[in-house]
Amino acid sequence: MPMTQEDIRSYYETQWRDQSGRATSAKDLSYSSPVEDAVLYPAYEAFLADLGRTPNGARILDVGSGSGRWVRFFLSRFTPASFTGIDFAASSVELLRRWSQDQNNAARATFQLANIADPTLHLGAKFDLINVANVLFHIPEQDLFEQALRNLRSHVETGGAIVTTEYLPRDNYRTEWMLVRSRYAFEESVRRAGLRIAAVRSFAFFSNDPMGLDGPDSAGRAHFHNVRACMQKVLSMSAAPDARDFFVHFFAEIERATLAFARERVAEIDMPSQKLVMLVPA
């Protein structure tokens, strides 16, 4: 049964509470693939730099902060003027406040309970850069999705930018957790919200779900799922830190080599991968 946004919120209330309770250090809060991180973080930095969007000195809003993946990314690599993280799960906000203090980030970051799809949302400020990674396709209800886009538009500063992660296949694709909207449906909703797509950049083939690949799981997408499962198995078997680091580097190099090869031959939006998408006021 496909999940609603409320189902997803309820799941993460438990997930973040349990993860915070088990953690003994900030490293234990990590949940993303280390291979994806090794490819995505430099790609995100280059994406911003190439488009002249430095986070240094910027007012940053992170939507759906979860257990702090993007909090750690921005605060460890840049010096923003301010950093605000929001999440619709109260347990996430509690986790972030606890662990940001442990990392001496309390003076630079604030966290609050807020739902980007709430029609009454008003954060009391506008932001130069809004990061909304792995969030919008977890809002399956179309009215809430479009409200989220309008809220993003109302909170981005004139001349500012929104960076989201999307797949943008040619057709909508519904999973238990996600409504992956087609590039056409996504672009039309963005337009109605008073935004436009300024840039698209792919960043991973195998270390993320292959939802950017058209067709059912029984076809080409199945091969990508199998590769991803094999990568995860190898990493879980590599108990020795040196061996695990080697395989993370090796798989990341495969991702980068494949991206470089495909980028010479395939339009960025047609890559069978997740993508960084920059939105700006229309």
C-alpha atoms as a PDB file:
ATOM      1  CA  MET A   1       0.000   0.000   0.000  1.00  0.00           C
ATOM      2  CA  PRO A   2       1.604   3.340  -1.028  1.00  0.00           C
ATOM      3  CA  MET A   3       2.425   5.579   1.909  1.00  0.00           C
ATOM      4  CA  THR A   4       1.025   9.057   2.471  1.00  0.00           C
ATOM      5  CA  GLN A   5       3.119  11.949   3.733  1.00  0.00           C
ATOM      6  CA  GLU A   6       1.650  11.379   7.205  1.00  0.00           C
ATOM      7  CA  ASP A   7       2.680   7.697   7.069  1.00  0.00           C
ATOM      8  CA  ILE A   8       6.223   8.781   6.209  1.00  0.00           C
ATOM      9  CA  ARG A   9       6.287  11.338   9.013  1.00  0.00           C
ATOM     10  CA  SER A  10       5.148   8.694  11.536  1.00  0.00           C
ATOM     11  CA  TYR A  11       7.869   6.311  10.346  1.00  0.00           C
ATOM     12  CA  TYR A  12      10.593   8.923  10.775  1.00  0.00           C
ATOM     13  CA  GLU A  13       9.368   9.934  14.223  1.00  0.00           C
ATOM     14  CA  THR A  14      10.356   6.427  15.353  1.00  0.00           C
ATOM     15  CA  GLN A  15      13.419   6.158  13.087  1.00  0.00           C
ATOM     16  CA  TRP A  16      15.164   9.309  14.312  1.00  0.00           C
ATOM     17  CA  ARG A  17      14.285   8.671  17.968  1.00  0.00           C
ATOM     18  CA  ASP A  18      15.746   5.168  17.796  1.00  0.00           C
ATOM     19  CA  GLN A  19      18.841   6.264  15.868  1.00  0.00           C
ATOM     20  CA  SER A  20      19.592   9.066  18.321  1.00  0.00           C
ATOM     21  CA  GLY A  21      19.177   6.671  21.237  1.00  0.00           C
ATOM     22  CA  ARG A  22      21.631   4.146  19.746  1.00  0.00           C
ATOM     23  CA  ALA A  23      24.259   6.699  18.689  1.00  0.00           C
ATOM     24  CA  THR A  24      27.490   7.093  20.613  1.00  0.00           C
ATOM     25  CA  SER A  25      28.937   9.719  18.245  1.00  0.00           C
ATOM     26  CA  ALA A  26      27.882  11.806  15.246  1.00  0.00           C
ATOM     27  CA  LYS A  27      29.229   9.054  12.954  1.00  0.00           C
ATOM     28  CA  ASP A  28      26.413   6.794  14.131  1.00  0.00           C
ATOM     29  CA  LEU A  29      23.845   9.218  12.716  1.00  0.00           C
ATOM     30  CA  SER A  30      24.939   8.575   9.146  1.00  0.00           C
ATOM     31  CA  TYR A  31      22.463   6.621   6.998  1.00  0.00           C
ATOM     32  CA  SER A  32      23.382   7.372   3.380  1.00  0.00           C
ATOM     33  CA  SER A  33      25.580   5.223   1.171  1.00  0.00           C
ATOM     34  CA  PRO A  34      29.263   6.127   1.668  1.00  0.00           C
ATOM     35  CA  VAL A  35      29.758   5.610  -2.066  1.00  0.00           C
ATOM     36  CA  GLU A  36      26.997   8.058  -2.908  1.00  0.00           C
ATOM     37  CA  ASP A  37      28.425  10.553  -0.421  1.00  0.00           C
ATOM     38  CA  ALA A  38      31.897  10.225  -1.970  1.00  0.00           C
ATOM     39  CA  VAL A  39      30.442  11.098  -5.386  1.00  0.00           C
ATOM     40  CA  LEU A  40      27.680  13.504  -4.393  1.00  0.00           C
ATOM     41  CA  TYR A  41      29.480  15.843  -1.995  1.00  0.00           C
ATOM     42  CA  PRO A  42      32.166  16.973  -4.476  1.00  0.00           C
ATOM     43  CA  ALA A  43      29.530  17.081  -7.238  1.00  0.00           C
ATOM     44  CA  TYR A  44      27.303  19.333  -5.116  1.00  0.00           C
ATOM     45  CA  GLU A  45      30.219  21.665  -4.339  1.00  0.00           C
ATOM     46  CA  ALA A  46      31.143  21.848  -8.036  1.00  0.00           C
ATOM     47  CA  PHE A  47      27.490  22.389  -9.032  1.00  0.00           C
ATOM     48  CA  LEU A  48      27.212  25.408  -6.723  1.00  0.00           C
ATOM     49  CA  ALA A  49      30.623  26.778  -7.720  1.00  0.00           C
ATOM     50  CA  ASP A  50      29.969  26.442 -11.454  1.00  0.00           C
ATOM     51  CA  LEU A  51      26.725  28.380 -11.061  1.00  0.00           C
ATOM     52  CA  GLY A  52      28.255  31.052  -8.821  1.00  0.00           C
ATOM     53  CA  ARG A  53      26.239  30.047  -5.746  1.00  0.00           C
ATOM     54  CA  THR A  54      28.727  29.936  -2.892  1.00  0.00           C
ATOM     55  CA  PRO A  55      27.248  28.989   0.497  1.00  0.00           C
ATOM     56  CA  ASN A  56      29.934  31.053   2.249  1.00  0.00           C
ATOM     57  CA  GLY A  57      28.244  34.036   3.852  1.00  0.00           C
ATOM     58  CA  ALA A  58      24.810  32.825   2.742  1.00  0.00           C
ATOM     59  CA  ARG A  59      21.656  32.310   4.764  1.00  0.00           C
ATOM     60  CA  ILE A  60      20.912  28.603   4.286  1.00  0.00           C
ATOM     61  CA  LEU A  61      17.697  26.678   4.889  1.00  0.00           C
ATOM     62  CA  ASP A  62      17.876  22.877   4.994  1.00  0.00           C
ATOM     63  CA  VAL A  63      14.462  21.242   4.497  1.00  0.00           C
ATOM     64  CA  GLY A  64      13.984  17.740   5.896  1.00  0.00           C
ATOM     65  CA  SER A  65      17.145  17.753   7.997  1.00  0.00           C
ATOM     66  CA  GLY A  66      16.549  14.227   9.341  1.00  0.00           C
ATOM     67  CA  SER A  67      19.606  13.067  11.273  1.00  0.00           C
ATOM     68  CA  GLY A  68      21.796  15.881   9.953  1.00  0.00           C
ATOM     69  CA  ARG A  69      23.367  14.613   6.742  1.00  0.00           C
ATOM     70  CA  TRP A  70      23.242  18.026   5.073  1.00  0.00           C
ATOM     71  CA  VAL A  71      23.836  19.901   8.310  1.00  0.00           C
ATOM     72  CA  ARG A  72      27.230  18.206   8.525  1.00  0.00           C
ATOM     73  CA  PHE A  73      27.908  18.779   4.816  1.00  0.00           C
ATOM     74  CA  PHE A  74      27.294  22.528   4.867  1.00  0.00           C
ATOM     75  CA  LEU A  75      28.829  23.302   8.251  1.00  0.00           C
ATOM     76  CA  SER A  76      31.987  21.252   7.656  1.00  0.00           C
ATOM     77  CA  ARG A  77      32.709  22.623   4.173  1.00  0.00           C
ATOM     78  CA  PHE A  78      31.386  26.185   4.208  1.00  0.00           C
ATOM     79  CA  THR A  79      30.917  29.184   6.491  1.00  0.00           C
ATOM     80  CA  PRO A  80      27.318  30.311   6.031  1.00  0.00           C
ATOM     81  CA  ALA A  81      26.066  33.470   7.686  1.00  0.00           C
ATOM     82  CA  SER A  82      23.267  31.389   9.213  1.00  0.00           C
ATOM     83  CA  PHE A  83      21.972  27.849   8.954  1.00  0.00           C
ATOM     84  CA  THR A  84      18.379  26.830   9.694  1.00  0.00           C
ATOM     85  CA  GLY A  85      17.283  23.200   9.617  1.00  0.00           C
ATOM     86  CA  ILE A  86      13.637  22.151   9.610  1.00  0.00           C
ATOM     87  CA  ASP A  87      11.947  18.779   9.739  1.00  0.00           C
ATOM     88  CA  PHE A  88       8.347  17.589  10.098  1.00  0.00           C
ATOM     89  CA  ALA A  89       9.355  14.947  12.689  1.00  0.00           C
ATOM     90  CA  ALA A  90       9.774  16.242  16.248  1.00  0.00           C
ATOM     91  CA  SER A  91      12.293  13.456  16.975  1.00  0.00           C
ATOM     92  CA  SER A  92      14.518  14.807  14.183  1.00  0.00           C
ATOM     93  CA  VAL A  93      14.559  18.282  15.717  1.00  0.00           C
ATOM     94  CA  GLU A  94      15.401  16.800  19.125  1.00  0.00           C
ATOM     95  CA  LEU A  95      18.217  14.726  17.587  1.00  0.00           C
ATOM     96  CA  LEU A  96      19.650  17.696  15.698  1.00  0.00           C
ATOM     97  CA  ARG A  97      19.635  19.966  18.729  1.00  0.00           C
ATOM     98  CA  ARG A  98      21.362  17.306  20.805  1.00  0.00           C
ATOM     99  CA  TRP A  99      24.070  16.431  18.307  1.00  0.00           C
ATOM    100  CA  SER A 100      24.692  19.925  16.999  1.00  0.00           C
ATOM    101  CA  GLN A 101      25.659  20.904  20.538  1.00  0.00           C
ATOM    102  CA  ASP A 102      28.037  17.945  20.682  1.00  0.00           C
ATOM    103  CA  GLN A 103      29.675  19.181  17.462  1.00  0.00           C
ATOM    104  CA  ASN A 104      29.965  22.791  18.666  1.00  0.00           C
ATOM    105  CA  ASN A 105      27.602  23.930  15.925  1.00  0.00           C
ATOM    106  CA  ALA A 106      24.910  25.317  18.213  1.00  0.00           C
ATOM    107  CA  ALA A 107      26.037  28.901  17.640  1.00  0.00           C
ATOM    108  CA  ARG A 108      25.854  28.522  13.850  1.00  0.00           C
ATOM    109  CA  ALA A 109      22.736  26.398  13.403  1.00  0.00           C
ATOM    110  CA  THR A 110      19.147  26.491  14.605  1.00  0.00           C
ATOM    111  CA  PHE A 111      16.534  23.796  14.192  1.00  0.00           C
ATOM    112  CA  GLN A 112      12.772  23.895  14.279  1.00  0.00           C
ATOM    113  CA  LEU A 113       9.728  21.729  13.723  1.00  0.00           C
ATOM    114  CA  ALA A 114       8.088  22.667  10.430  1.00  0.00           C
ATOM    115  CA  ASN A 115       6.445  20.982   7.453  1.00  0.00           C
ATOM    116  CA  ILE A 116       7.356  22.444   4.059  1.00  0.00           C
ATOM    117  CA  ALA A 117       3.899  21.403   2.782  1.00  0.00           C
ATOM    118  CA  ASP A 118       2.024  23.302   5.519  1.00  0.00           C
ATOM    119  CA  PRO A 119      -0.115  26.064   3.918  1.00  0.00           C
ATOM    120  CA  THR A 120       0.421  28.232   7.016  1.00  0.00           C
ATOM    121  CA  LEU A 121       4.218  27.880   7.001  1.00  0.00           C
ATOM    122  CA  HIS A 122       6.058  31.107   7.735  1.00  0.00           C
ATOM    123  CA  LEU A 123       9.646  30.870   8.965  1.00  0.00           C
ATOM    124  CA  GLY A 124      10.042  34.604   9.442  1.00  0.00           C
ATOM    125  CA  ALA A 125      12.972  34.922   7.037  1.00  0.00           C
ATOM    126  CA  LYS A 126      14.092  34.435   3.462  1.00  0.00           C
ATOM    127  CA  PHE A 127      17.149  32.456   2.446  1.00  0.00           C
ATOM    128  CA  ASP A 128      19.880  32.728  -0.159  1.00  0.00           C
ATOM    129  CA  LEU A 129      20.119  28.957  -0.590  1.00  0.00           C
ATOM    130  CA  ILE A 130      17.514  26.332   0.223  1.00  0.00           C
ATOM    131  CA  ASN A 131      18.585  22.684   0.239  1.00  0.00           C
ATOM    132  CA  VAL A 132      15.680  20.251  -0.127  1.00  0.00           C
ATOM    133  CA  ALA A 133      17.390  16.930  -0.808  1.00  0.00           C
ATOM    134  CA  ASN A 134      15.348  13.696  -0.980  1.00  0.00           C
ATOM    135  CA  VAL A 135      12.191  15.432   0.198  1.00  0.00           C
ATOM    136  CA  LEU A 136       9.818  16.441  -2.597  1.00  0.00           C
ATOM    137  CA  PHE A 137       9.272  12.951  -4.023  1.00  0.00           C
ATOM    138  CA  HIS A 138       8.260  11.865  -0.513  1.00  0.00           C
ATOM    139  CA  ILE A 139       5.226  14.164  -0.796  1.00  0.00           C
ATOM    140  CA  PRO A 140       2.920  12.009  -2.937  1.00  0.00           C
ATOM    141  CA  GLU A 141      -0.203  14.139  -2.523  1.00  0.00           C
ATOM    142  CA  GLN A 142      -0.245  16.599  -5.434  1.00  0.00           C
ATOM    143  CA  ASP A 143      -1.870  19.431  -3.488  1.00  0.00           C
ATOM    144  CA  LEU A 144       0.737  19.156  -0.728  1.00  0.00           C
ATOM    145  CA  PHE A 145       3.555  18.878  -3.270  1.00  0.00           C
ATOM    146  CA  GLU A 146       2.465  22.065  -5.003  1.00  0.00           C
ATOM    147  CA  GLN A 147       2.045  23.796  -1.635  1.00  0.00           C
ATOM    148  CA  ALA A 148       5.625  22.791  -0.785  1.00  0.00           C
ATOM    149  CA  LEU A 149       6.862  24.395  -4.008  1.00  0.00           C
ATOM    150  CA  ARG A 150       4.939  27.586  -3.239  1.00  0.00           C
ATOM    151  CA  ASN A 151       6.432  27.643   0.259  1.00  0.00           C
ATOM    152  CA  LEU A 152       9.917  27.235  -1.174  1.00  0.00           C
ATOM    153  CA  ARG A 153       9.246  30.114  -3.558  1.00  0.00           C
ATOM    154  CA  SER A 154       8.035  32.364  -0.742  1.00  0.00           C
ATOM    155  CA  HIS A 155      11.110  31.630   1.400  1.00  0.00           C
ATOM    156  CA  VAL A 156      13.840  32.024  -1.223  1.00  0.00           C
ATOM    157  CA  GLU A 157      15.476  35.441  -1.415  1.00  0.00           C
ATOM    158  CA  THR A 158      15.410  37.474  -4.621  1.00  0.00           C
ATOM    159  CA  GLY A 159      18.469  36.259  -6.471  1.00  0.00           C
ATOM    160  CA  GLY A 160      18.586  33.116  -4.337  1.00  0.00           C
ATOM    161  CA  ALA A 161      18.333  29.467  -5.350  1.00  0.00           C
ATOM    162  CA  ILE A 162      16.750  26.174  -4.315  1.00  0.00           C
ATOM    163  CA  VAL A 163      18.614  22.878  -4.832  1.00  0.00           C
ATOM    164  CA  THR A 164      16.562  19.703  -4.819  1.00  0.00           C
ATOM    165  CA  THR A 165      17.378  16.105  -5.732  1.00  0.00           C
ATOM    166  CA  GLU A 166      15.077  14.594  -8.340  1.00  0.00           C
ATOM    167  CA  TYR A 167      15.061  11.751 -10.869  1.00  0.00           C
ATOM    168  CA  LEU A 168      13.027  13.316 -13.709  1.00  0.00           C
ATOM    169  CA  PRO A 169      12.190  10.211 -15.763  1.00  0.00           C
ATOM    170  CA  ARG A 170       9.840  10.458 -18.747  1.00  0.00           C
ATOM    171  CA  ASP A 171       6.910   8.944 -16.836  1.00  0.00           C
ATOM    172  CA  ASN A 172       5.611   9.155 -13.277  1.00  0.00           C
ATOM    173  CA  TYR A 173       6.688   6.221 -11.121  1.00  0.00           C
ATOM    174  CA  ARG A 174       4.983   5.320  -7.839  1.00  0.00           C
ATOM    175  CA  THR A 175       6.687   3.243  -5.176  1.00  0.00           C
ATOM    176  CA  GLU A 176       5.659   2.520  -1.597  1.00  0.00           C
ATOM    177  CA  TRP A 177       7.685   5.515  -0.393  1.00  0.00           C
ATOM    178  CA  MET A 178       7.822   7.849  -3.357  1.00  0.00           C
ATOM    179  CA  LEU A 179       5.940   9.471  -6.177  1.00  0.00           C
ATOM    180  CA  VAL A 180       8.725  10.071  -8.679  1.00  0.00           C
ATOM    181  CA  ARG A 181       7.262  12.709 -10.957  1.00  0.00           C
ATOM    182  CA  SER A 182       8.138  12.860 -14.610  1.00  0.00           C
ATOM    183  CA  ARG A 183      10.242  15.736 -15.866  1.00  0.00           C
ATOM    184  CA  TYR A 184       7.133  17.155 -17.549  1.00  0.00           C
ATOM    185  CA  ALA A 185       4.906  16.974 -14.467  1.00  0.00           C
ATOM    186  CA  PHE A 186       7.681  18.337 -12.264  1.00  0.00           C
ATOM    187  CA  GLU A 187       8.468  21.256 -14.561  1.00  0.00           C
ATOM    188  CA  GLU A 188       4.784  22.210 -14.867  1.00  0.00           C
ATOM    189  CA  SER A 189       4.314  22.225 -11.074  1.00  0.00           C
ATOM    190  CA  VAL A 190       7.495  24.266 -10.678  1.00  0.00           C
ATOM    191  CA  ARG A 191       6.201  26.786 -13.227  1.00  0.00           C
ATOM    192  CA  ARG A 192       2.863  27.132 -11.410  1.00  0.00           C
ATOM    193  CA  ALA A 193       4.752  27.879  -8.190  1.00  0.00           C
ATOM    194  CA  GLY A 194       6.584  30.805  -9.792  1.00  0.00           C
ATOM    195  CA  LEU A 195       9.885  28.976 -10.197  1.00  0.00           C
ATOM    196  CA  ARG A 196      11.933  27.685 -13.103  1.00  0.00           C
ATOM    197  CA  ILE A 197      14.609  25.017 -13.563  1.00  0.00           C
ATOM    198  CA  ALA A 198      17.970  26.767 -13.929  1.00  0.00           C
ATOM    199  CA  ALA A 199      20.303  23.738 -14.071  1.00  0.00           C
ATOM    200  CA  VAL A 200      20.359  19.941 -13.828  1.00  0.00           C
ATOM    201  CA  ARG A 201      23.337  17.726 -12.999  1.00  0.00           C
ATOM    202  CA  SER A 202      23.453  13.942 -12.541  1.00  0.00           C
ATOM    203  CA  PHE A 203      25.581  12.493  -9.773  1.00  0.00           C
ATOM    204  CA  ALA A 204      25.120   8.729  -9.355  1.00  0.00           C
ATOM    205  CA  PHE A 205      24.070   5.692 -11.356  1.00  0.00           C
ATOM    206  CA  PHE A 206      24.536   2.707  -9.072  1.00  0.00           C
ATOM    207  CA  SER A 207      24.680   4.010  -5.502  1.00  0.00           C
ATOM    208  CA  ASN A 208      21.131   5.392  -5.541  1.00  0.00           C
ATOM    209  CA  ASP A 209      17.740   4.012  -6.578  1.00  0.00           C
ATOM    210  CA  PRO A 210      17.567   3.912 -10.415  1.00  0.00           C
ATOM    211  CA  MET A 211      14.248   5.790 -10.562  1.00  0.00           C
ATOM    212  CA  GLY A 212      15.567   8.019 -13.321  1.00  0.00           C
ATOM    213  CA  LEU A 213      15.599   4.976 -15.590  1.00  0.00           C
ATOM    214  CA  ASP A 214      12.391   4.472 -17.566  1.00  0.00           C
ATOM    215  CA  GLY A 215      10.614   1.140 -17.468  1.00  0.00           C
ATOM    216  CA  PRO A 216       9.509  -1.435 -14.889  1.00  0.00           C
ATOM    217  CA  ASP A 217      11.698  -3.180 -12.319  1.00  0.00           C
ATOM    218  CA  SER A 218      11.630  -6.308 -14.485  1.00  0.00           C
ATOM    219  CA  ALA A 219      13.535  -4.510 -17.257  1.00  0.00           C
ATOM    220  CA  GLY A 220      16.688  -2.338 -17.262  1.00  0.00           C
ATOM    221  CA  ARG A 221      16.028  -0.936 -13.805  1.00  0.00           C
ATOM    222  CA  ALA A 222      16.447  -4.452 -12.355  1.00  0.00           C
ATOM    223  CA  HIS A 223      20.107  -4.516 -13.430  1.00  0.00           C
ATOM    224  CA  PHE A 224      20.775  -1.265 -11.588  1.00  0.00           C
ATOM    225  CA  HIS A 225      19.045  -2.639  -8.477  1.00  0.00           C
ATOM    226  CA  ASN A 226      21.252  -5.756  -8.649  1.00  0.00           C
ATOM    227  CA  VAL A 227      24.453  -3.721  -8.934  1.00  0.00           C
ATOM    228  CA  ARG A 228      23.405  -1.575  -5.977  1.00  0.00           C
ATOM    229  CA  ALA A 229      22.635  -4.671  -3.881  1.00  0.00           C
ATOM    230  CA  CYS A 230      26.043  -6.178  -4.719  1.00  0.00           C
ATOM    231  CA  MET A 231      27.808  -2.947  -3.738  1.00  0.00           C
ATOM    232  CA  GLN A 232      26.020  -2.884  -0.395  1.00  0.00           C
ATOM    233  CA  LYS A 233      26.885  -6.538   0.217  1.00  0.00           C
ATOM    234  CA  VAL A 234      30.581  -5.963  -0.474  1.00  0.00           C
ATOM    235  CA  LEU A 235      30.669  -2.962   1.863  1.00  0.00           C
ATOM    236  CA  SER A 236      28.872  -4.853   4.635  1.00  0.00           C
ATOM    237  CA  MET A 237      31.380  -7.721   4.324  1.00  0.00           C
ATOM    238  CA  SER A 238      34.395  -5.405   4.534  1.00  0.00           C
ATOM    239  CA  ALA A 239      34.939  -5.177   8.276  1.00  0.00           C
ATOM    240  CA  ALA A 240      38.523  -3.915   8.043  1.00  0.00           C
ATOM    241  CA  PRO A 241      38.524  -0.099   7.672  1.00  0.00           C
ATOM    242  CA  ASP A 242      41.245  -0.151   4.992  1.00  0.00           C
ATOM    243  CA  ALA A 243      39.321  -2.668   2.891  1.00  0.00           C
ATOM    244  CA  ARG A 244      36.058  -0.770   3.264  1.00  0.00           C
ATOM    245  CA  ASP A 245      37.746   2.512   2.320  1.00  0.00           C
ATOM    246  CA  PHE A 246      39.262   0.843  -0.740  1.00  0.00           C
ATOM    247  CA  PHE A 247      35.895  -0.421  -1.970  1.00  0.00           C
ATOM    248  CA  VAL A 248      34.183   2.919  -1.306  1.00  0.00           C
ATOM    249  CA  HIS A 249      36.893   4.627  -3.392  1.00  0.00           C
ATOM    250  CA  PHE A 250      36.715   1.922  -6.086  1.00  0.00           C
ATOM    251  CA  PHE A 251      32.917   2.095  -6.445  1.00  0.00           C
ATOM    252  CA  ALA A 252      32.993   5.896  -6.408  1.00  0.00           C
ATOM    253  CA  GLU A 253      35.560   5.852  -9.225  1.00  0.00           C
ATOM    254  CA  ILE A 254      33.262   3.573 -11.239  1.00  0.00           C
ATOM    255  CA  GLU A 255      30.433   6.067 -10.709  1.00  0.00           C
ATOM    256  CA  ARG A 256      32.593   9.012 -11.790  1.00  0.00           C
ATOM    257  CA  ALA A 257      34.001   7.190 -14.826  1.00  0.00           C
ATOM    258  CA  THR A 258      30.534   6.098 -15.955  1.00  0.00           C
ATOM    259  CA  LEU A 259      29.177   9.614 -15.490  1.00  0.00           C
ATOM    260  CA  ALA A 260      32.062  11.124 -17.461  1.00  0.00           C
ATOM    261  CA  PHE A 261      31.564   8.667 -20.326  1.00  0.00           C
ATOM    262  CA  ALA A 262      27.782   9.162 -20.432  1.00  0.00           C
ATOM    263  CA  ARG A 263      28.032  12.943 -20.084  1.00  0.00           C
ATOM    264  CA  GLU A 264      29.816  13.162 -23.449  1.00  0.00           C
ATOM    265  CA  ARG A 265      26.976  11.317 -25.159  1.00  0.00           C
ATOM    266  CA  VAL A 266      23.744  11.835 -23.198  1.00  0.00           C
ATOM    267  CA  ALA A 267      21.898  14.969 -22.127  1.00  0.00           C
ATOM    268  CA  GLU A 268      22.117  15.567 -18.383  1.00  0.00           C
ATOM    269  CA  ILE A 269      18.368  15.192 -17.917  1.00  0.00           C
ATOM    270  CA  ASP A 270      18.395  11.813 -19.713  1.00  0.00           C
ATOM    271  CA  MET A 271      20.971  10.245 -17.392  1.00  0.00           C
ATOM    272  CA  PRO A 272      19.526   7.154 -15.625  1.00  0.00           C
ATOM    273  CA  SER A 273      20.281   8.597 -12.211  1.00  0.00           C
ATOM    274  CA  GLN A 274      19.276  10.958  -9.471  1.00  0.00           C
ATOM    275  CA  LYS A 275      20.045  14.589 -10.243  1.00  0.00           C
ATOM    276  CA  LEU A 276      20.807  17.866  -8.551  1.00  0.00           C
ATOM    277  CA  VAL A 277      18.213  20.363  -9.770  1.00  0.00           C
ATOM    278  CA  MET A 278      18.530  24.095  -9.202  1.00  0.00           C
ATOM    279  CA  LEU A 279      15.313  26.116  -9.074  1.00  0.00           C
ATOM    280  CA  VAL A 280      15.222  29.912  -9.131  1.00  0.00           C
ATOM    281  CA  PRO A 281      12.390  32.454  -9.049  1.00  0.00           C
ATOM    282  CA  ALA A 282      10.847  32.846 -12.491  1.00  0.00           C
END
